[in-house]
Amino acid sequence: MFLFLCFLKYYCCVLSGVVVFGASGFPKLTHLSSQSLRRGLSSENKLHPPGVTGAIKQTLSGTHYEAPSCSSLTTKELQQNLRAVKQRQRLVRLMFEIPSTRIVDRALSKYVVYEIVVMRSGSFDSHRVSVERRYSDFSRFHHKLQEEFGEELEEVLLPRKLLTGNFSPDIISERRLALQDYLAKLYSVRCARHSPHFPTFFTEQEQRRAHSLLRAGQFQAALQQLQVVLEIQEKLLPWQSPTLIVPTVCALAVCYRDLEQPEQAFAAAQRALPPVRRYGLKRYRASLLDLLVDLGYELGRPVAQIQDELTALRDAERGEVTSRSLKELVVQEFV
């Protein structure tokens, strides 16, 4: 018990940034001001609290150790650190806004499309990215979720379908706000925001359009679509599998390669590789490694480890590893 009390006193002194050892060899609890205690607690909350180092002063009563801790920081620096901690701890939420609509009038059909802006809350996301969807897209999305999570979505109602007056400005405005509210309520249901149907609703049309352009050799146009898809997927990643972005990033690598932008192609392929390794996506792994080796040699990058990984993969799974290029894989997706 005596040793425990001594340790407790020593711990309190460390929090204050000052440890005093008396002549008996045991720590003495010096006077702690409220300011010193606050500094000590701030030091304790750091990711890597400083050890008891600093100036050593010899006195008649013993040795006096002074630790710098947070007391060496100015008030402004402490406030900045506190704001940074709060920023990291702030909950990230998705927000949806439907700021505008437009009427599409074609020879055989006429319909309203709604611009959906997807963004994260707070200062985590300063960039707004948007897609356009029809009411029928919302309806299909809702029915798929209902089939999978019927009971959980009983209180989330999709605005009803109208048979007349669909193109009235008042009706369009009313439905725009109702659909915006629908997305917010849907996101509040955990099973819905974690469902694969959620990112599919926001990205599948753009994915199909991008891959169609890629197959047609229109790589710059495909690149623009894929960048929109990736931005939305990145916003959805906290609630989805890390593999969500793999097909998109692989397609980006192919586009950059054909546009003769090897640096960007190498970076995209590098980003796709970790989730491919971790989650065992064999479909992509050998093709990604092969592309990285080729680009690495072109850019003068060290690729020995990647080459060894590719060789080991082919030796271990002889006959099972695909020999197709990444481009051959990508063009077959979203057909």
C-alpha atoms as a PDB file:
ATOM      1  CA  MET A   1       0.000   0.000   0.000  1.00  0.00           C
ATOM      2  CA  PHE A   2       2.846   2.363   0.843  1.00  0.00           C
ATOM      3  CA  LEU A   3       4.478   1.766  -2.529  1.00  0.00           C
ATOM      4  CA  PHE A   4       1.119   2.301  -4.244  1.00  0.00           C
ATOM      5  CA  LEU A   5       0.654   5.677  -2.521  1.00  0.00           C
ATOM      6  CA  CYS A   6       4.161   6.689  -3.529  1.00  0.00           C
ATOM      7  CA  PHE A   7       3.447   5.737  -7.140  1.00  0.00           C
ATOM      8  CA  LEU A   8       0.190   7.712  -7.052  1.00  0.00           C
ATOM      9  CA  LYS A   9       2.016  10.805  -5.806  1.00  0.00           C
ATOM     10  CA  TYR A  10       4.667  10.343  -8.501  1.00  0.00           C
ATOM     11  CA  TYR A  11       1.970  10.054 -11.191  1.00  0.00           C
ATOM     12  CA  CYS A  12       0.305  13.285 -10.035  1.00  0.00           C
ATOM     13  CA  CYS A  13       3.642  15.037 -10.163  1.00  0.00           C
ATOM     14  CA  VAL A  14       4.309  13.792 -13.686  1.00  0.00           C
ATOM     15  CA  LEU A  15       0.942  15.206 -14.761  1.00  0.00           C
ATOM     16  CA  SER A  16       2.046  18.589 -13.503  1.00  0.00           C
ATOM     17  CA  GLY A  17       5.346  18.335 -15.338  1.00  0.00           C
ATOM     18  CA  VAL A  18       7.454  18.446 -12.118  1.00  0.00           C
ATOM     19  CA  VAL A  19       8.842  15.515 -10.115  1.00  0.00           C
ATOM     20  CA  VAL A  20      10.787  16.160  -6.918  1.00  0.00           C
ATOM     21  CA  PHE A  21      12.766  13.405  -5.179  1.00  0.00           C
ATOM     22  CA  GLY A  22      13.541  14.024  -1.557  1.00  0.00           C
ATOM     23  CA  ALA A  23      16.510  12.861   0.446  1.00  0.00           C
ATOM     24  CA  SER A  24      14.648   9.654   1.357  1.00  0.00           C
ATOM     25  CA  GLY A  25      14.518   8.673  -2.305  1.00  0.00           C
ATOM     26  CA  PHE A  26      10.730   8.909  -2.538  1.00  0.00           C
ATOM     27  CA  PRO A  27       8.837  11.498  -4.564  1.00  0.00           C
ATOM     28  CA  LYS A  28       7.569  14.587  -2.801  1.00  0.00           C
ATOM     29  CA  LEU A  29       4.333  16.211  -3.904  1.00  0.00           C
ATOM     30  CA  THR A  30       5.100  19.848  -4.552  1.00  0.00           C
ATOM     31  CA  HIS A  31       2.492  22.587  -4.682  1.00  0.00           C
ATOM     32  CA  LEU A  32       0.362  22.258  -7.839  1.00  0.00           C
ATOM     33  CA  SER A  33      -1.385  25.305  -9.158  1.00  0.00           C
ATOM     34  CA  SER A  34      -4.586  24.872 -11.195  1.00  0.00           C
ATOM     35  CA  GLN A  35      -2.666  26.120 -14.219  1.00  0.00           C
ATOM     36  CA  SER A  36       0.042  23.478 -13.746  1.00  0.00           C
ATOM     37  CA  LEU A  37      -2.554  20.756 -13.377  1.00  0.00           C
ATOM     38  CA  ARG A  38      -4.275  21.837 -16.583  1.00  0.00           C
ATOM     39  CA  ARG A  39      -0.933  21.734 -18.346  1.00  0.00           C
ATOM     40  CA  GLY A  40      -0.258  18.268 -16.982  1.00  0.00           C
ATOM     41  CA  LEU A  41      -3.620  16.952 -18.119  1.00  0.00           C
ATOM     42  CA  SER A  42      -3.055  18.455 -21.536  1.00  0.00           C
ATOM     43  CA  SER A  43       0.300  16.685 -21.672  1.00  0.00           C
ATOM     44  CA  GLU A  44      -1.303  13.391 -20.636  1.00  0.00           C
ATOM     45  CA  ASN A  45      -3.833  13.619 -23.446  1.00  0.00           C
ATOM     46  CA  LYS A  46      -1.173  13.854 -26.123  1.00  0.00           C
ATOM     47  CA  LEU A  47      -0.681  10.858 -28.372  1.00  0.00           C
ATOM     48  CA  HIS A  48       2.932  10.455 -27.261  1.00  0.00           C
ATOM     49  CA  PRO A  49       3.312  12.092 -23.796  1.00  0.00           C
ATOM     50  CA  PRO A  50       6.821  13.366 -23.142  1.00  0.00           C
ATOM     51  CA  GLY A  51       9.029  11.536 -20.674  1.00  0.00           C
ATOM     52  CA  VAL A  52      10.508  13.106 -17.594  1.00  0.00           C
ATOM     53  CA  THR A  53      13.444  14.871 -19.214  1.00  0.00           C
ATOM     54  CA  GLY A  54      14.868  18.330 -19.045  1.00  0.00           C
ATOM     55  CA  ALA A  55      17.106  20.300 -16.744  1.00  0.00           C
ATOM     56  CA  ILE A  56      18.438  18.546 -13.636  1.00  0.00           C
ATOM     57  CA  LYS A  57      19.080  20.732 -10.603  1.00  0.00           C
ATOM     58  CA  GLN A  58      21.091  19.491  -7.651  1.00  0.00           C
ATOM     59  CA  THR A  59      19.792  20.726  -4.292  1.00  0.00           C
ATOM     60  CA  LEU A  60      20.533  19.906  -0.664  1.00  0.00           C
ATOM     61  CA  SER A  61      17.261  18.018  -0.390  1.00  0.00           C
ATOM     62  CA  GLY A  62      17.663  15.897  -3.492  1.00  0.00           C
ATOM     63  CA  THR A  63      17.381  16.014  -7.248  1.00  0.00           C
ATOM     64  CA  HIS A  64      14.791  18.197  -8.976  1.00  0.00           C
ATOM     65  CA  TYR A  65      13.586  17.117 -12.458  1.00  0.00           C
ATOM     66  CA  GLU A  66      11.691  19.546 -14.645  1.00  0.00           C
ATOM     67  CA  ALA A  67       9.771  18.159 -17.645  1.00  0.00           C
ATOM     68  CA  PRO A  68       8.906  20.527 -20.487  1.00  0.00           C
ATOM     69  CA  SER A  69       5.487  18.948 -21.270  1.00  0.00           C
ATOM     70  CA  CYS A  70       2.853  21.331 -22.587  1.00  0.00           C
ATOM     71  CA  SER A  71       4.095  24.194 -20.450  1.00  0.00           C
ATOM     72  CA  SER A  72       6.530  25.060 -23.241  1.00  0.00           C
ATOM     73  CA  LEU A  73       3.604  25.809 -25.582  1.00  0.00           C
ATOM     74  CA  THR A  74       2.031  29.225 -25.838  1.00  0.00           C
ATOM     75  CA  THR A  75      -1.646  29.787 -25.111  1.00  0.00           C
ATOM     76  CA  LYS A  76      -2.298  30.203 -28.818  1.00  0.00           C
ATOM     77  CA  GLU A  77      -0.608  26.878 -29.619  1.00  0.00           C
ATOM     78  CA  LEU A  78      -2.620  25.117 -26.907  1.00  0.00           C
ATOM     79  CA  GLN A  79      -5.844  26.543 -28.321  1.00  0.00           C
ATOM     80  CA  GLN A  80      -4.862  25.410 -31.811  1.00  0.00           C
ATOM     81  CA  ASN A  81      -4.138  21.906 -30.519  1.00  0.00           C
ATOM     82  CA  LEU A  82      -7.497  21.796 -28.767  1.00  0.00           C
ATOM     83  CA  ARG A  83      -9.331  22.873 -31.917  1.00  0.00           C
ATOM     84  CA  ALA A  84      -7.476  20.203 -33.920  1.00  0.00           C
ATOM     85  CA  VAL A  85      -8.514  17.493 -31.446  1.00  0.00           C
ATOM     86  CA  LYS A  86     -12.144  18.607 -31.516  1.00  0.00           C
ATOM     87  CA  GLN A  87     -12.051  18.679 -35.311  1.00  0.00           C
ATOM     88  CA  ARG A  88     -10.846  15.075 -35.443  1.00  0.00           C
ATOM     89  CA  GLN A  89     -13.492  13.956 -32.971  1.00  0.00           C
ATOM     90  CA  ARG A  90     -16.387  15.664 -34.751  1.00  0.00           C
ATOM     91  CA  LEU A  91     -18.837  13.214 -36.291  1.00  0.00           C
ATOM     92  CA  VAL A  92     -18.870  13.114 -40.077  1.00  0.00           C
ATOM     93  CA  ARG A  93     -22.286  13.056 -41.684  1.00  0.00           C
ATOM     94  CA  LEU A  94     -23.501  13.102 -45.237  1.00  0.00           C
ATOM     95  CA  MET A  95     -25.732  15.903 -46.390  1.00  0.00           C
ATOM     96  CA  PHE A  96     -27.913  15.971 -49.484  1.00  0.00           C
ATOM     97  CA  GLU A  97     -29.263  19.003 -51.256  1.00  0.00           C
ATOM     98  CA  ILE A  98     -31.432  19.233 -54.364  1.00  0.00           C
ATOM     99  CA  PRO A  99     -30.889  22.853 -55.412  1.00  0.00           C
ATOM    100  CA  SER A 100     -32.251  22.694 -58.943  1.00  0.00           C
ATOM    101  CA  THR A 101     -34.298  20.766 -61.460  1.00  0.00           C
ATOM    102  CA  ARG A 102     -34.695  20.756 -65.208  1.00  0.00           C
ATOM    103  CA  ILE A 103     -37.225  19.358 -67.654  1.00  0.00           C
ATOM    104  CA  VAL A 104     -35.974  17.030 -70.375  1.00  0.00           C
ATOM    105  CA  ASP A 105     -38.281  17.022 -73.401  1.00  0.00           C
ATOM    106  CA  ARG A 106     -37.469  14.361 -75.950  1.00  0.00           C
ATOM    107  CA  ALA A 107     -39.343  13.005 -78.936  1.00  0.00           C
ATOM    108  CA  LEU A 108     -40.869  10.059 -77.078  1.00  0.00           C
ATOM    109  CA  SER A 109     -40.546  11.132 -73.459  1.00  0.00           C
ATOM    110  CA  LYS A 110     -40.652  14.095 -71.145  1.00  0.00           C
ATOM    111  CA  TYR A 111     -39.438  14.041 -67.563  1.00  0.00           C
ATOM    112  CA  VAL A 112     -37.898  16.055 -64.726  1.00  0.00           C
ATOM    113  CA  VAL A 113     -34.347  15.483 -63.509  1.00  0.00           C
ATOM    114  CA  TYR A 114     -33.226  16.542 -60.047  1.00  0.00           C
ATOM    115  CA  GLU A 115     -29.689  17.698 -59.304  1.00  0.00           C
ATOM    116  CA  ILE A 116     -28.479  15.992 -56.113  1.00  0.00           C
ATOM    117  CA  VAL A 117     -25.511  17.562 -54.346  1.00  0.00           C
ATOM    118  CA  VAL A 118     -23.613  15.215 -52.024  1.00  0.00           C
ATOM    119  CA  MET A 119     -21.346  16.669 -49.347  1.00  0.00           C
ATOM    120  CA  ARG A 120     -19.956  15.903 -45.922  1.00  0.00           C
ATOM    121  CA  SER A 121     -20.829  17.962 -42.898  1.00  0.00           C
ATOM    122  CA  GLY A 122     -18.569  20.511 -41.221  1.00  0.00           C
ATOM    123  CA  SER A 123     -15.219  21.508 -42.664  1.00  0.00           C
ATOM    124  CA  PHE A 124     -14.383  17.964 -43.686  1.00  0.00           C
ATOM    125  CA  ASP A 125     -15.685  18.639 -47.172  1.00  0.00           C
ATOM    126  CA  SER A 126     -15.492  21.935 -48.974  1.00  0.00           C
ATOM    127  CA  HIS A 127     -16.125  20.469 -52.430  1.00  0.00           C
ATOM    128  CA  ARG A 128     -19.653  19.882 -53.678  1.00  0.00           C
ATOM    129  CA  VAL A 129     -20.217  17.175 -56.271  1.00  0.00           C
ATOM    130  CA  SER A 130     -23.561  16.453 -57.901  1.00  0.00           C
ATOM    131  CA  VAL A 131     -25.409  13.940 -60.050  1.00  0.00           C
ATOM    132  CA  GLU A 132     -28.800  14.054 -61.754  1.00  0.00           C
ATOM    133  CA  ARG A 133     -31.605  11.551 -61.155  1.00  0.00           C
ATOM    134  CA  ARG A 134     -35.206  11.113 -62.278  1.00  0.00           C
ATOM    135  CA  TYR A 135     -38.088  10.261 -59.999  1.00  0.00           C
ATOM    136  CA  SER A 136     -38.107   6.756 -61.504  1.00  0.00           C
ATOM    137  CA  ASP A 137     -34.511   6.320 -60.292  1.00  0.00           C
ATOM    138  CA  PHE A 138     -35.581   7.208 -56.762  1.00  0.00           C
ATOM    139  CA  SER A 139     -38.475   4.771 -57.050  1.00  0.00           C
ATOM    140  CA  ARG A 140     -36.292   1.827 -58.124  1.00  0.00           C
ATOM    141  CA  PHE A 141     -33.778   2.647 -55.405  1.00  0.00           C
ATOM    142  CA  HIS A 142     -36.503   2.747 -52.758  1.00  0.00           C
ATOM    143  CA  HIS A 143     -38.061  -0.553 -53.825  1.00  0.00           C
ATOM    144  CA  LYS A 144     -34.688  -2.336 -53.731  1.00  0.00           C
ATOM    145  CA  LEU A 145     -34.102  -1.116 -50.192  1.00  0.00           C
ATOM    146  CA  GLN A 146     -37.618  -2.086 -49.156  1.00  0.00           C
ATOM    147  CA  GLU A 147     -37.119  -5.611 -50.448  1.00  0.00           C
ATOM    148  CA  GLU A 148     -34.046  -5.967 -48.255  1.00  0.00           C
ATOM    149  CA  PHE A 149     -34.930  -3.849 -45.205  1.00  0.00           C
ATOM    150  CA  GLY A 150     -38.713  -3.637 -45.208  1.00  0.00           C
ATOM    151  CA  GLU A 151     -39.354  -3.233 -41.464  1.00  0.00           C
ATOM    152  CA  GLU A 152     -36.459  -0.863 -40.841  1.00  0.00           C
ATOM    153  CA  LEU A 153     -37.737   1.544 -43.519  1.00  0.00           C
ATOM    154  CA  GLU A 154     -41.400   1.653 -42.514  1.00  0.00           C
ATOM    155  CA  GLU A 155     -41.156   5.323 -41.514  1.00  0.00           C
ATOM    156  CA  VAL A 156     -39.120   6.397 -44.570  1.00  0.00           C
ATOM    157  CA  LEU A 157     -41.655   7.238 -47.252  1.00  0.00           C
ATOM    158  CA  LEU A 158     -40.914   8.085 -50.851  1.00  0.00           C
ATOM    159  CA  PRO A 159     -43.027  10.989 -52.195  1.00  0.00           C
ATOM    160  CA  ARG A 160     -45.968   9.490 -54.061  1.00  0.00           C
ATOM    161  CA  LYS A 161     -46.057   9.249 -57.825  1.00  0.00           C
ATOM    162  CA  LEU A 162     -48.264  11.782 -59.604  1.00  0.00           C
ATOM    163  CA  LEU A 163     -50.249  11.016 -62.731  1.00  0.00           C
ATOM    164  CA  THR A 164     -50.969  14.634 -63.676  1.00  0.00           C
ATOM    165  CA  GLY A 165     -49.389  18.023 -63.088  1.00  0.00           C
ATOM    166  CA  ASN A 166     -45.839  16.624 -63.000  1.00  0.00           C
ATOM    167  CA  PHE A 167     -44.453  19.628 -64.885  1.00  0.00           C
ATOM    168  CA  SER A 168     -46.135  22.350 -62.879  1.00  0.00           C
ATOM    169  CA  PRO A 169     -43.496  24.635 -61.282  1.00  0.00           C
ATOM    170  CA  ASP A 170     -45.222  24.364 -57.894  1.00  0.00           C
ATOM    171  CA  ILE A 171     -45.375  20.564 -58.052  1.00  0.00           C
ATOM    172  CA  ILE A 172     -41.743  20.323 -59.151  1.00  0.00           C
ATOM    173  CA  SER A 173     -40.629  22.583 -56.307  1.00  0.00           C
ATOM    174  CA  GLU A 174     -42.680  20.642 -53.759  1.00  0.00           C
ATOM    175  CA  ARG A 175     -41.308  17.308 -54.959  1.00  0.00           C
ATOM    176  CA  ARG A 176     -37.745  18.648 -54.998  1.00  0.00           C
ATOM    177  CA  LEU A 177     -37.946  19.451 -51.282  1.00  0.00           C
ATOM    178  CA  ALA A 178     -39.723  16.166 -50.524  1.00  0.00           C
ATOM    179  CA  LEU A 179     -37.013  14.116 -52.252  1.00  0.00           C
ATOM    180  CA  GLN A 180     -34.323  16.055 -50.419  1.00  0.00           C
ATOM    181  CA  ASP A 181     -36.021  15.245 -47.123  1.00  0.00           C
ATOM    182  CA  TYR A 182     -36.384  11.609 -48.219  1.00  0.00           C
ATOM    183  CA  LEU A 183     -32.623  11.230 -48.737  1.00  0.00           C
ATOM    184  CA  ALA A 184     -31.895  12.772 -45.334  1.00  0.00           C
ATOM    185  CA  LYS A 185     -34.289  10.380 -43.587  1.00  0.00           C
ATOM    186  CA  LEU A 186     -32.958   7.424 -45.541  1.00  0.00           C
ATOM    187  CA  TYR A 187     -29.398   8.246 -44.568  1.00  0.00           C
ATOM    188  CA  SER A 188     -30.414   8.316 -40.883  1.00  0.00           C
ATOM    189  CA  VAL A 189     -31.268   4.593 -41.087  1.00  0.00           C
ATOM    190  CA  ARG A 190     -28.079   2.632 -40.493  1.00  0.00           C
ATOM    191  CA  CYS A 191     -28.896  -0.383 -42.654  1.00  0.00           C
ATOM    192  CA  ALA A 192     -29.715   1.885 -45.606  1.00  0.00           C
ATOM    193  CA  ARG A 193     -26.540   3.991 -45.561  1.00  0.00           C
ATOM    194  CA  HIS A 194     -24.404   0.839 -45.184  1.00  0.00           C
ATOM    195  CA  SER A 195     -26.191  -0.970 -47.997  1.00  0.00           C
ATOM    196  CA  PRO A 196     -24.407  -1.453 -51.370  1.00  0.00           C
ATOM    197  CA  HIS A 197     -27.565  -0.027 -52.961  1.00  0.00           C
ATOM    198  CA  PHE A 198     -26.680   3.385 -51.534  1.00  0.00           C
ATOM    199  CA  PRO A 199     -23.518   4.059 -53.576  1.00  0.00           C
ATOM    200  CA  THR A 200     -25.080   2.296 -56.562  1.00  0.00           C
ATOM    201  CA  PHE A 201     -27.878   4.856 -56.663  1.00  0.00           C
ATOM    202  CA  PHE A 202     -25.411   7.750 -56.726  1.00  0.00           C
ATOM    203  CA  THR A 203     -22.771   6.345 -59.086  1.00  0.00           C
ATOM    204  CA  GLU A 204     -23.974   3.504 -61.320  1.00  0.00           C
ATOM    205  CA  GLN A 205     -25.256   5.676 -64.161  1.00  0.00           C
ATOM    206  CA  GLU A 206     -22.021   7.648 -64.288  1.00  0.00           C
ATOM    207  CA  GLN A 207     -20.004   4.420 -64.096  1.00  0.00           C
ATOM    208  CA  ARG A 208     -21.839   2.957 -67.078  1.00  0.00           C
ATOM    209  CA  ARG A 209     -21.453   6.180 -69.033  1.00  0.00           C
ATOM    210  CA  ALA A 210     -17.727   6.350 -68.257  1.00  0.00           C
ATOM    211  CA  HIS A 211     -17.066   2.747 -69.261  1.00  0.00           C
ATOM    212  CA  SER A 212     -19.047   3.198 -72.456  1.00  0.00           C
ATOM    213  CA  LEU A 213     -16.832   6.186 -73.316  1.00  0.00           C
ATOM    214  CA  LEU A 214     -13.725   4.227 -72.370  1.00  0.00           C
ATOM    215  CA  ARG A 215     -14.680   1.358 -74.696  1.00  0.00           C
ATOM    216  CA  ALA A 216     -15.196   3.933 -77.461  1.00  0.00           C
ATOM    217  CA  GLY A 217     -11.686   5.280 -76.912  1.00  0.00           C
ATOM    218  CA  GLN A 218     -12.917   8.632 -75.552  1.00  0.00           C
ATOM    219  CA  PHE A 219     -10.577   8.569 -72.581  1.00  0.00           C
ATOM    220  CA  GLN A 220     -10.726  12.251 -71.632  1.00  0.00           C
ATOM    221  CA  ALA A 221     -14.529  12.226 -71.461  1.00  0.00           C
ATOM    222  CA  ALA A 222     -14.438   8.951 -69.531  1.00  0.00           C
ATOM    223  CA  LEU A 223     -11.904  10.445 -67.137  1.00  0.00           C
ATOM    224  CA  GLN A 224     -14.220  13.326 -66.270  1.00  0.00           C
ATOM    225  CA  GLN A 225     -17.085  10.950 -65.451  1.00  0.00           C
ATOM    226  CA  LEU A 226     -14.853   8.687 -63.388  1.00  0.00           C
ATOM    227  CA  GLN A 227     -13.555  11.614 -61.347  1.00  0.00           C
ATOM    228  CA  VAL A 228     -17.132  12.515 -60.377  1.00  0.00           C
ATOM    229  CA  VAL A 229     -17.783   8.895 -59.424  1.00  0.00           C
ATOM    230  CA  LEU A 230     -14.632   8.720 -57.314  1.00  0.00           C
ATOM    231  CA  GLU A 231     -15.454  11.942 -55.447  1.00  0.00           C
ATOM    232  CA  ILE A 232     -18.876  10.601 -54.497  1.00  0.00           C
ATOM    233  CA  GLN A 233     -17.484   7.214 -53.506  1.00  0.00           C
ATOM    234  CA  GLU A 234     -14.888   8.888 -51.295  1.00  0.00           C
ATOM    235  CA  LYS A 235     -17.674  10.713 -49.481  1.00  0.00           C
ATOM    236  CA  LEU A 236     -19.515   7.411 -48.969  1.00  0.00           C
ATOM    237  CA  LEU A 237     -16.465   5.360 -47.911  1.00  0.00           C
ATOM    238  CA  PRO A 238     -16.944   5.716 -44.116  1.00  0.00           C
ATOM    239  CA  TRP A 239     -20.115   3.626 -44.469  1.00  0.00           C
ATOM    240  CA  GLN A 240     -19.005   1.271 -47.239  1.00  0.00           C
ATOM    241  CA  SER A 241     -16.340  -1.342 -47.934  1.00  0.00           C
ATOM    242  CA  PRO A 242     -12.881   0.009 -48.860  1.00  0.00           C
ATOM    243  CA  THR A 243     -13.170  -2.046 -52.065  1.00  0.00           C
ATOM    244  CA  LEU A 244     -15.854   0.340 -53.312  1.00  0.00           C
ATOM    245  CA  ILE A 245     -13.343   2.537 -55.128  1.00  0.00           C
ATOM    246  CA  VAL A 246     -11.277  -0.277 -56.720  1.00  0.00           C
ATOM    247  CA  PRO A 247     -13.124  -0.530 -60.089  1.00  0.00           C
ATOM    248  CA  THR A 248     -13.170   3.264 -60.415  1.00  0.00           C
ATOM    249  CA  VAL A 249      -9.490   3.761 -59.595  1.00  0.00           C
ATOM    250  CA  CYS A 250      -8.505   0.934 -61.943  1.00  0.00           C
ATOM    251  CA  ALA A 251     -10.499   2.573 -64.740  1.00  0.00           C
ATOM    252  CA  LEU A 252      -8.803   5.887 -63.965  1.00  0.00           C
ATOM    253  CA  ALA A 253      -5.396   4.202 -64.235  1.00  0.00           C
ATOM    254  CA  VAL A 254      -6.327   2.857 -67.664  1.00  0.00           C
ATOM    255  CA  CYS A 255      -7.528   6.281 -68.844  1.00  0.00           C
ATOM    256  CA  TYR A 256      -4.406   8.044 -67.613  1.00  0.00           C
ATOM    257  CA  ARG A 257      -2.219   5.405 -69.276  1.00  0.00           C
ATOM    258  CA  ASP A 258      -3.935   5.849 -72.657  1.00  0.00           C
ATOM    259  CA  LEU A 259      -3.789   9.638 -72.286  1.00  0.00           C
ATOM    260  CA  GLU A 260      -0.012   9.284 -71.832  1.00  0.00           C
ATOM    261  CA  GLN A 261      -0.034  10.544 -68.250  1.00  0.00           C
ATOM    262  CA  PRO A 262       2.111   7.846 -66.573  1.00  0.00           C
ATOM    263  CA  GLU A 263       2.542   9.673 -63.246  1.00  0.00           C
ATOM    264  CA  GLN A 264      -1.218   9.845 -62.686  1.00  0.00           C
ATOM    265  CA  ALA A 265      -1.680   6.285 -63.932  1.00  0.00           C
ATOM    266  CA  PHE A 266       0.986   5.012 -61.513  1.00  0.00           C
ATOM    267  CA  ALA A 267      -0.604   6.908 -58.598  1.00  0.00           C
ATOM    268  CA  ALA A 268      -4.070   5.533 -59.410  1.00  0.00           C
ATOM    269  CA  ALA A 269      -2.795   1.954 -59.660  1.00  0.00           C
ATOM    270  CA  GLN A 270      -0.891   2.360 -56.389  1.00  0.00           C
ATOM    271  CA  ARG A 271      -4.065   3.521 -54.665  1.00  0.00           C
ATOM    272  CA  ALA A 272      -6.033   0.509 -55.885  1.00  0.00           C
ATOM    273  CA  LEU A 273      -3.441  -2.064 -54.822  1.00  0.00           C
ATOM    274  CA  PRO A 274      -3.781  -1.995 -50.968  1.00  0.00           C
ATOM    275  CA  PRO A 275      -7.519  -2.873 -50.832  1.00  0.00           C
ATOM    276  CA  VAL A 276      -6.972  -5.434 -53.615  1.00  0.00           C
ATOM    277  CA  ARG A 277      -4.296  -7.107 -51.495  1.00  0.00           C
ATOM    278  CA  ARG A 278      -6.139  -6.850 -48.201  1.00  0.00           C
ATOM    279  CA  TYR A 279      -9.501  -8.119 -49.407  1.00  0.00           C
ATOM    280  CA  GLY A 280      -8.196 -10.723 -51.820  1.00  0.00           C
ATOM    281  CA  LEU A 281      -9.521  -9.283 -55.067  1.00  0.00           C
ATOM    282  CA  LYS A 282      -7.680 -11.763 -57.299  1.00  0.00           C
ATOM    283  CA  ARG A 283      -9.407 -10.428 -60.382  1.00  0.00           C
ATOM    284  CA  TYR A 284      -7.330  -7.243 -60.252  1.00  0.00           C
ATOM    285  CA  ARG A 285      -4.131  -8.084 -58.400  1.00  0.00           C
ATOM    286  CA  ALA A 286      -1.902  -9.531 -61.127  1.00  0.00           C
ATOM    287  CA  SER A 287      -3.067  -6.992 -63.710  1.00  0.00           C
ATOM    288  CA  LEU A 288      -2.430  -4.101 -61.313  1.00  0.00           C
ATOM    289  CA  LEU A 289       1.037  -5.384 -60.424  1.00  0.00           C
ATOM    290  CA  ASP A 290       1.868  -5.847 -64.099  1.00  0.00           C
ATOM    291  CA  LEU A 291       0.787  -2.277 -64.891  1.00  0.00           C
ATOM    292  CA  LEU A 292       2.785  -0.892 -61.964  1.00  0.00           C
ATOM    293  CA  VAL A 293       5.911  -2.722 -63.147  1.00  0.00           C
ATOM    294  CA  ASP A 294       5.552  -1.321 -66.671  1.00  0.00           C
ATOM    295  CA  LEU A 295       4.867   2.212 -65.459  1.00  0.00           C
ATOM    296  CA  GLY A 296       7.618   1.976 -62.860  1.00  0.00           C
ATOM    297  CA  TYR A 297      10.221   1.148 -65.488  1.00  0.00           C
ATOM    298  CA  GLU A 298       8.893   3.973 -67.667  1.00  0.00           C
ATOM    299  CA  LEU A 299       9.127   6.475 -64.812  1.00  0.00           C
ATOM    300  CA  GLY A 300      12.401   5.179 -63.400  1.00  0.00           C
ATOM    301  CA  ARG A 301      10.781   4.074 -60.142  1.00  0.00           C
ATOM    302  CA  PRO A 302      12.074   1.155 -58.023  1.00  0.00           C
ATOM    303  CA  VAL A 303       9.860  -1.806 -58.918  1.00  0.00           C
ATOM    304  CA  ALA A 304      11.901  -4.780 -57.686  1.00  0.00           C
ATOM    305  CA  GLN A 305       9.491  -5.542 -54.818  1.00  0.00           C
ATOM    306  CA  ILE A 306       6.447  -5.259 -57.086  1.00  0.00           C
ATOM    307  CA  GLN A 307       8.130  -7.543 -59.636  1.00  0.00           C
ATOM    308  CA  ASP A 308       8.922 -10.082 -56.908  1.00  0.00           C
ATOM    309  CA  GLU A 309       5.316  -9.970 -55.693  1.00  0.00           C
ATOM    310  CA  LEU A 310       4.019 -10.554 -59.212  1.00  0.00           C
ATOM    311  CA  THR A 311       6.412 -13.471 -59.783  1.00  0.00           C
ATOM    312  CA  ALA A 312       5.497 -15.055 -56.433  1.00  0.00           C
ATOM    313  CA  LEU A 313       1.792 -14.628 -57.180  1.00  0.00           C
ATOM    314  CA  ARG A 314       2.089 -16.340 -60.559  1.00  0.00           C
ATOM    315  CA  ASP A 315       4.207 -19.145 -59.124  1.00  0.00           C
ATOM    316  CA  ALA A 316       1.812 -19.764 -56.237  1.00  0.00           C
ATOM    317  CA  GLU A 317      -1.345 -19.697 -58.327  1.00  0.00           C
ATOM    318  CA  ARG A 318      -0.094 -21.071 -61.615  1.00  0.00           C
ATOM    319  CA  GLY A 319      -2.955 -21.394 -64.078  1.00  0.00           C
ATOM    320  CA  GLU A 320      -5.328 -19.368 -61.886  1.00  0.00           C
ATOM    321  CA  VAL A 321      -3.774 -15.920 -62.210  1.00  0.00           C
ATOM    322  CA  THR A 322      -5.221 -13.909 -65.074  1.00  0.00           C
ATOM    323  CA  SER A 323      -2.911 -12.975 -67.910  1.00  0.00           C
ATOM    324  CA  ARG A 324      -5.201 -10.200 -69.114  1.00  0.00           C
ATOM    325  CA  SER A 325      -4.147  -6.590 -68.887  1.00  0.00           C
ATOM    326  CA  LEU A 326      -5.935  -4.171 -66.587  1.00  0.00           C
ATOM    327  CA  LYS A 327      -7.472  -2.460 -69.607  1.00  0.00           C
ATOM    328  CA  GLU A 328      -8.939  -5.770 -70.808  1.00  0.00           C
ATOM    329  CA  LEU A 329     -10.540  -6.244 -67.390  1.00  0.00           C
ATOM    330  CA  VAL A 330     -11.878  -2.706 -67.150  1.00  0.00           C
ATOM    331  CA  VAL A 331     -13.575  -2.599 -70.551  1.00  0.00           C
ATOM    332  CA  GLN A 332     -15.637  -5.667 -69.607  1.00  0.00           C
ATOM    333  CA  GLU A 333     -17.205  -3.949 -66.590  1.00  0.00           C
ATOM    334  CA  PHE A 334     -20.528  -2.098 -66.553  1.00  0.00           C
ATOM    335  CA  VAL A 335     -21.485  -3.475 -69.949  1.00  0.00           C
END
